Amino acid sequence: MALFVALAALAPALAPYEPCGRLDERLLPPSAGHWFGTDELGRDVLSRVLYGAGFAADPVAAVGAGPPGARHRAGRGRGYVAAGPTC
């Protein structure tokens, strides 16, 4: 869990590209430049995984030690909140 939180916190420094894509690099297979490849919008998948870890770790850190009812409400509410980079 500590490794997951550390990767999430360091995502801007570790990610090789911004999480938003370029249409001229669509659907590239994994390579030295894009370790996990790119998706249909040209977004680097590794960068999106690293930035997504921060989005996923945020509510866990906020309510991880709280009572089960509070964790459920916080997780359910987080699903309705748009956060992270919008491309």
C-alpha atoms as a PDB file:
ATOM      1  CA  MET A   1       0.000   0.000   0.000  1.00  0.00           C
ATOM      2  CA  ALA A   2       2.874   2.365   0.768  1.00  0.00           C
ATOM      3  CA  LEU A   3       4.322   1.773  -2.710  1.00  0.00           C
ATOM      4  CA  PHE A   4       0.924   2.550  -4.268  1.00  0.00           C
ATOM      5  CA  VAL A   5       0.646   5.827  -2.353  1.00  0.00           C
ATOM      6  CA  ALA A   6       4.244   6.765  -3.206  1.00  0.00           C
ATOM      7  CA  LEU A   7       3.664   6.152  -6.925  1.00  0.00           C
ATOM      8  CA  ALA A   8       0.485   8.208  -6.780  1.00  0.00           C
ATOM      9  CA  ALA A   9       2.253  11.099  -5.070  1.00  0.00           C
ATOM     10  CA  LEU A  10       5.142  11.044  -7.538  1.00  0.00           C
ATOM     11  CA  ALA A  11       3.014  10.605 -10.678  1.00  0.00           C
ATOM     12  CA  PRO A  12       3.847  14.040 -12.166  1.00  0.00           C
ATOM     13  CA  ALA A  13       7.573  13.299 -11.819  1.00  0.00           C
ATOM     14  CA  LEU A  14       7.433   9.635 -12.909  1.00  0.00           C
ATOM     15  CA  ALA A  15       4.939   9.774 -15.778  1.00  0.00           C
ATOM     16  CA  PRO A  16       6.725  10.017 -19.117  1.00  0.00           C
ATOM     17  CA  TYR A  17       3.896  12.022 -20.731  1.00  0.00           C
ATOM     18  CA  GLU A  18       0.919  14.138 -19.736  1.00  0.00           C
ATOM     19  CA  PRO A  19      -2.223  12.031 -19.286  1.00  0.00           C
ATOM     20  CA  CYS A  20      -3.964  13.814 -22.188  1.00  0.00           C
ATOM     21  CA  GLY A  21      -3.189  12.419 -25.605  1.00  0.00           C
ATOM     22  CA  ARG A  22      -2.195  13.322 -29.120  1.00  0.00           C
ATOM     23  CA  LEU A  23      -4.269  12.028 -32.012  1.00  0.00           C
ATOM     24  CA  ASP A  24      -1.190  11.327 -34.126  1.00  0.00           C
ATOM     25  CA  GLU A  25      -0.061   8.649 -31.629  1.00  0.00           C
ATOM     26  CA  ARG A  26      -3.240   6.568 -31.506  1.00  0.00           C
ATOM     27  CA  LEU A  27      -3.228   2.832 -30.724  1.00  0.00           C
ATOM     28  CA  LEU A  28       0.537   2.394 -30.616  1.00  0.00           C
ATOM     29  CA  PRO A  29       1.723  -0.958 -29.266  1.00  0.00           C
ATOM     30  CA  PRO A  30       4.038  -1.120 -26.255  1.00  0.00           C
ATOM     31  CA  SER A  31       7.507   0.173 -27.123  1.00  0.00           C
ATOM     32  CA  ALA A  32      10.498   1.947 -25.578  1.00  0.00           C
ATOM     33  CA  GLY A  33       8.658   5.279 -25.908  1.00  0.00           C
ATOM     34  CA  HIS A  34       5.308   4.043 -24.562  1.00  0.00           C
ATOM     35  CA  TRP A  35       5.851   1.116 -22.183  1.00  0.00           C
ATOM     36  CA  PHE A  36       2.128   0.237 -21.995  1.00  0.00           C
ATOM     37  CA  GLY A  37       1.261   1.598 -25.465  1.00  0.00           C
ATOM     38  CA  THR A  38      -1.356   4.244 -26.228  1.00  0.00           C
ATOM     39  CA  ASP A  39      -5.141   4.149 -26.355  1.00  0.00           C
ATOM     40  CA  GLU A  40      -7.579   5.173 -29.105  1.00  0.00           C
ATOM     41  CA  LEU A  41      -7.126   8.864 -28.268  1.00  0.00           C
ATOM     42  CA  GLY A  42      -3.312   8.740 -28.260  1.00  0.00           C
ATOM     43  CA  ARG A  43      -3.003   8.867 -24.470  1.00  0.00           C
ATOM     44  CA  ASP A  44      -0.019   7.105 -22.909  1.00  0.00           C
ATOM     45  CA  VAL A  45      -1.453   4.248 -20.839  1.00  0.00           C
ATOM     46  CA  LEU A  46       1.391   4.180 -18.281  1.00  0.00           C
ATOM     47  CA  SER A  47       0.944   7.900 -17.587  1.00  0.00           C
ATOM     48  CA  ARG A  48      -2.790   7.449 -17.159  1.00  0.00           C
ATOM     49  CA  VAL A  49      -2.252   4.541 -14.735  1.00  0.00           C
ATOM     50  CA  LEU A  50       0.145   6.615 -12.620  1.00  0.00           C
ATOM     51  CA  TYR A  51      -2.161   9.654 -12.548  1.00  0.00           C
ATOM     52  CA  GLY A  52      -5.172   7.388 -11.901  1.00  0.00           C
ATOM     53  CA  ALA A  53      -3.452   5.906  -8.865  1.00  0.00           C
ATOM     54  CA  GLY A  54      -3.540   9.353  -7.267  1.00  0.00           C
ATOM     55  CA  PHE A  55      -7.230   9.662  -7.997  1.00  0.00           C
ATOM     56  CA  ALA A  56      -7.880   6.230  -6.457  1.00  0.00           C
ATOM     57  CA  ALA A  57      -5.631   6.740  -3.416  1.00  0.00           C
ATOM     58  CA  ASP A  58      -7.172  10.080  -2.434  1.00  0.00           C
ATOM     59  CA  PRO A  59     -10.431   8.773  -0.901  1.00  0.00           C
ATOM     60  CA  VAL A  60      -8.653   5.762   0.602  1.00  0.00           C
ATOM     61  CA  ALA A  61      -6.295   8.022   2.514  1.00  0.00           C
ATOM     62  CA  ALA A  62      -9.119  10.351   3.540  1.00  0.00           C
ATOM     63  CA  VAL A  63     -11.422   7.772   5.126  1.00  0.00           C
ATOM     64  CA  GLY A  64      -9.330   4.621   5.466  1.00  0.00           C
ATOM     65  CA  ALA A  65      -9.469   4.591   9.251  1.00  0.00           C
ATOM     66  CA  GLY A  66     -13.090   5.712   9.583  1.00  0.00           C
ATOM     67  CA  PRO A  67     -16.111   3.594  10.430  1.00  0.00           C
ATOM     68  CA  PRO A  68     -17.548   1.372   7.658  1.00  0.00           C
ATOM     69  CA  GLY A  69     -20.620   3.562   7.109  1.00  0.00           C
ATOM     70  CA  ALA A  70     -18.487   6.641   6.496  1.00  0.00           C
ATOM     71  CA  ARG A  71     -16.231   4.750   4.073  1.00  0.00           C
ATOM     72  CA  HIS A  72     -19.246   3.554   2.106  1.00  0.00           C
ATOM     73  CA  ARG A  73     -20.757   7.027   1.837  1.00  0.00           C
ATOM     74  CA  ALA A  74     -17.416   8.584   0.886  1.00  0.00           C
ATOM     75  CA  GLY A  75     -16.742   5.958  -1.792  1.00  0.00           C
ATOM     76  CA  ARG A  76     -20.234   6.244  -3.207  1.00  0.00           C
ATOM     77  CA  GLY A  77     -19.987  10.031  -3.306  1.00  0.00           C
ATOM     78  CA  ARG A  78     -16.543   9.906  -4.953  1.00  0.00           C
ATOM     79  CA  GLY A  79     -18.081   8.098  -7.919  1.00  0.00           C
ATOM     80  CA  TYR A  80     -20.167  11.178  -8.702  1.00  0.00           C
ATOM     81  CA  VAL A  81     -17.333  13.685  -8.437  1.00  0.00           C
ATOM     82  CA  ALA A  82     -15.322  14.458 -11.553  1.00  0.00           C
ATOM     83  CA  ALA A  83     -11.655  14.892 -10.722  1.00  0.00           C
ATOM     84  CA  GLY A  84      -8.319  14.563 -12.388  1.00  0.00           C
ATOM     85  CA  PRO A  85      -7.240  15.878 -15.736  1.00  0.00           C
ATOM     86  CA  THR A  86      -9.977  16.502 -18.261  1.00  0.00           C
ATOM     87  CA  CYS A  87      -8.773  16.101 -21.801  1.00  0.00           C
END
